[in-house]
Amino acid sequence: MAKKGQEPLVIVSKAKSILKKSGCNTAGDAFQALNGYLYWLLEQAAKRAKANGRKTVRPHDFMV
């Protein structure tokens, strides 16, 4: 779950549209959870880049 006060990273209307095209509805808190997951994923990528002696996050850093 996203922590309160975290800036939204997800454009909810766009994400809802994609899910709707797939025939799915969304729970009211689904995008808050997705936002929290994105924050976690970004933190993991930053940790991996730093562990490899880099300040630049690269695409492969998102493979956790």
C-alpha atoms as a PDB file:
ATOM      1  CA  MET A   1       0.000   0.000   0.000  1.00  0.00           C
ATOM      2  CA  ALA A   2       1.197   3.508  -0.750  1.00  0.00           C
ATOM      3  CA  LYS A   3       2.145   5.572   2.256  1.00  0.00           C
ATOM      4  CA  LYS A   4       0.003   8.609   2.921  1.00  0.00           C
ATOM      5  CA  GLY A   5       1.546  11.743   1.517  1.00  0.00           C
ATOM      6  CA  GLN A   6       3.282  10.017  -1.384  1.00  0.00           C
ATOM      7  CA  GLU A   7       2.901  11.857  -4.652  1.00  0.00           C
ATOM      8  CA  PRO A   8       0.789   9.897  -7.171  1.00  0.00           C
ATOM      9  CA  LEU A   9       2.877   8.324  -9.930  1.00  0.00           C
ATOM     10  CA  VAL A  10      -0.047   6.722 -11.770  1.00  0.00           C
ATOM     11  CA  ILE A  11      -2.429   8.504 -14.131  1.00  0.00           C
ATOM     12  CA  VAL A  12      -5.560   6.811 -12.836  1.00  0.00           C
ATOM     13  CA  SER A  13      -7.773   7.631 -15.831  1.00  0.00           C
ATOM     14  CA  LYS A  14      -5.253   6.064 -18.237  1.00  0.00           C
ATOM     15  CA  ALA A  15      -4.787   2.953 -16.098  1.00  0.00           C
ATOM     16  CA  LYS A  16      -8.555   2.544 -15.652  1.00  0.00           C
ATOM     17  CA  SER A  17      -9.018   2.806 -19.404  1.00  0.00           C
ATOM     18  CA  ILE A  18      -6.522   0.001 -20.027  1.00  0.00           C
ATOM     19  CA  LEU A  19      -8.190  -2.244 -17.448  1.00  0.00           C
ATOM     20  CA  LYS A  20     -11.653  -1.433 -18.791  1.00  0.00           C
ATOM     21  CA  LYS A  21     -10.543  -2.467 -22.301  1.00  0.00           C
ATOM     22  CA  SER A  22      -9.525  -5.799 -20.753  1.00  0.00           C
ATOM     23  CA  GLY A  23     -13.035  -6.166 -19.332  1.00  0.00           C
ATOM     24  CA  CYS A  24     -12.055  -5.485 -15.718  1.00  0.00           C
ATOM     25  CA  ASN A  25     -13.390  -3.137 -13.078  1.00  0.00           C
ATOM     26  CA  THR A  26     -11.157  -1.568 -10.436  1.00  0.00           C
ATOM     27  CA  ALA A  27     -11.491  -1.361  -6.683  1.00  0.00           C
ATOM     28  CA  GLY A  28     -11.309   2.080  -5.140  1.00  0.00           C
ATOM     29  CA  ASP A  29      -7.933   1.428  -3.546  1.00  0.00           C
ATOM     30  CA  ALA A  30      -6.345  -0.478  -6.457  1.00  0.00           C
ATOM     31  CA  PHE A  31      -4.362   2.480  -7.733  1.00  0.00           C
ATOM     32  CA  GLN A  32      -3.147   3.427  -4.277  1.00  0.00           C
ATOM     33  CA  ALA A  33      -1.636  -0.072  -4.080  1.00  0.00           C
ATOM     34  CA  LEU A  34      -0.158   0.275  -7.575  1.00  0.00           C
ATOM     35  CA  ASN A  35       1.367   3.614  -6.598  1.00  0.00           C
ATOM     36  CA  GLY A  36       2.946   2.007  -3.533  1.00  0.00           C
ATOM     37  CA  TYR A  37       4.361  -0.790  -5.696  1.00  0.00           C
ATOM     38  CA  LEU A  38       5.884   1.746  -8.096  1.00  0.00           C
ATOM     39  CA  TYR A  39       7.594   3.563  -5.208  1.00  0.00           C
ATOM     40  CA  TRP A  40       8.991   0.238  -3.981  1.00  0.00           C
ATOM     41  CA  LEU A  41      10.166  -0.700  -7.489  1.00  0.00           C
ATOM     42  CA  LEU A  42      11.951   2.635  -7.896  1.00  0.00           C
ATOM     43  CA  GLU A  43      13.634   2.233  -4.508  1.00  0.00           C
ATOM     44  CA  GLN A  44      14.829  -1.267  -5.453  1.00  0.00           C
ATOM     45  CA  ALA A  45      16.213  -0.027  -8.779  1.00  0.00           C
ATOM     46  CA  ALA A  46      18.105   2.776  -7.021  1.00  0.00           C
ATOM     47  CA  LYS A  47      19.562   0.324  -4.497  1.00  0.00           C
ATOM     48  CA  ARG A  48      20.713  -1.990  -7.295  1.00  0.00           C
ATOM     49  CA  ALA A  49      22.345   0.855  -9.217  1.00  0.00           C
ATOM     50  CA  LYS A  50      24.178   2.038  -6.086  1.00  0.00           C
ATOM     51  CA  ALA A  51      25.243  -1.521  -5.253  1.00  0.00           C
ATOM     52  CA  ASN A  52      26.833  -1.674  -8.701  1.00  0.00           C
ATOM     53  CA  GLY A  53      28.685   1.613  -8.161  1.00  0.00           C
ATOM     54  CA  ARG A  54      26.413   3.697 -10.388  1.00  0.00           C
ATOM     55  CA  LYS A  55      24.278   6.773  -9.863  1.00  0.00           C
ATOM     56  CA  THR A  56      22.333   6.094 -13.049  1.00  0.00           C
ATOM     57  CA  VAL A  57      19.380   3.708 -12.943  1.00  0.00           C
ATOM     58  CA  ARG A  58      19.282   1.546 -16.058  1.00  0.00           C
ATOM     59  CA  PRO A  59      16.440  -0.601 -17.430  1.00  0.00           C
ATOM     60  CA  HIS A  60      17.921  -3.831 -16.056  1.00  0.00           C
ATOM     61  CA  ASP A  61      17.845  -2.371 -12.529  1.00  0.00           C
ATOM     62  CA  PHE A  62      14.074  -2.865 -12.537  1.00  0.00           C
ATOM     63  CA  MET A  63      14.468  -6.639 -12.822  1.00  0.00           C
ATOM     64  CA  VAL A  64      14.176  -7.591  -9.151  1.00  0.00           C
END
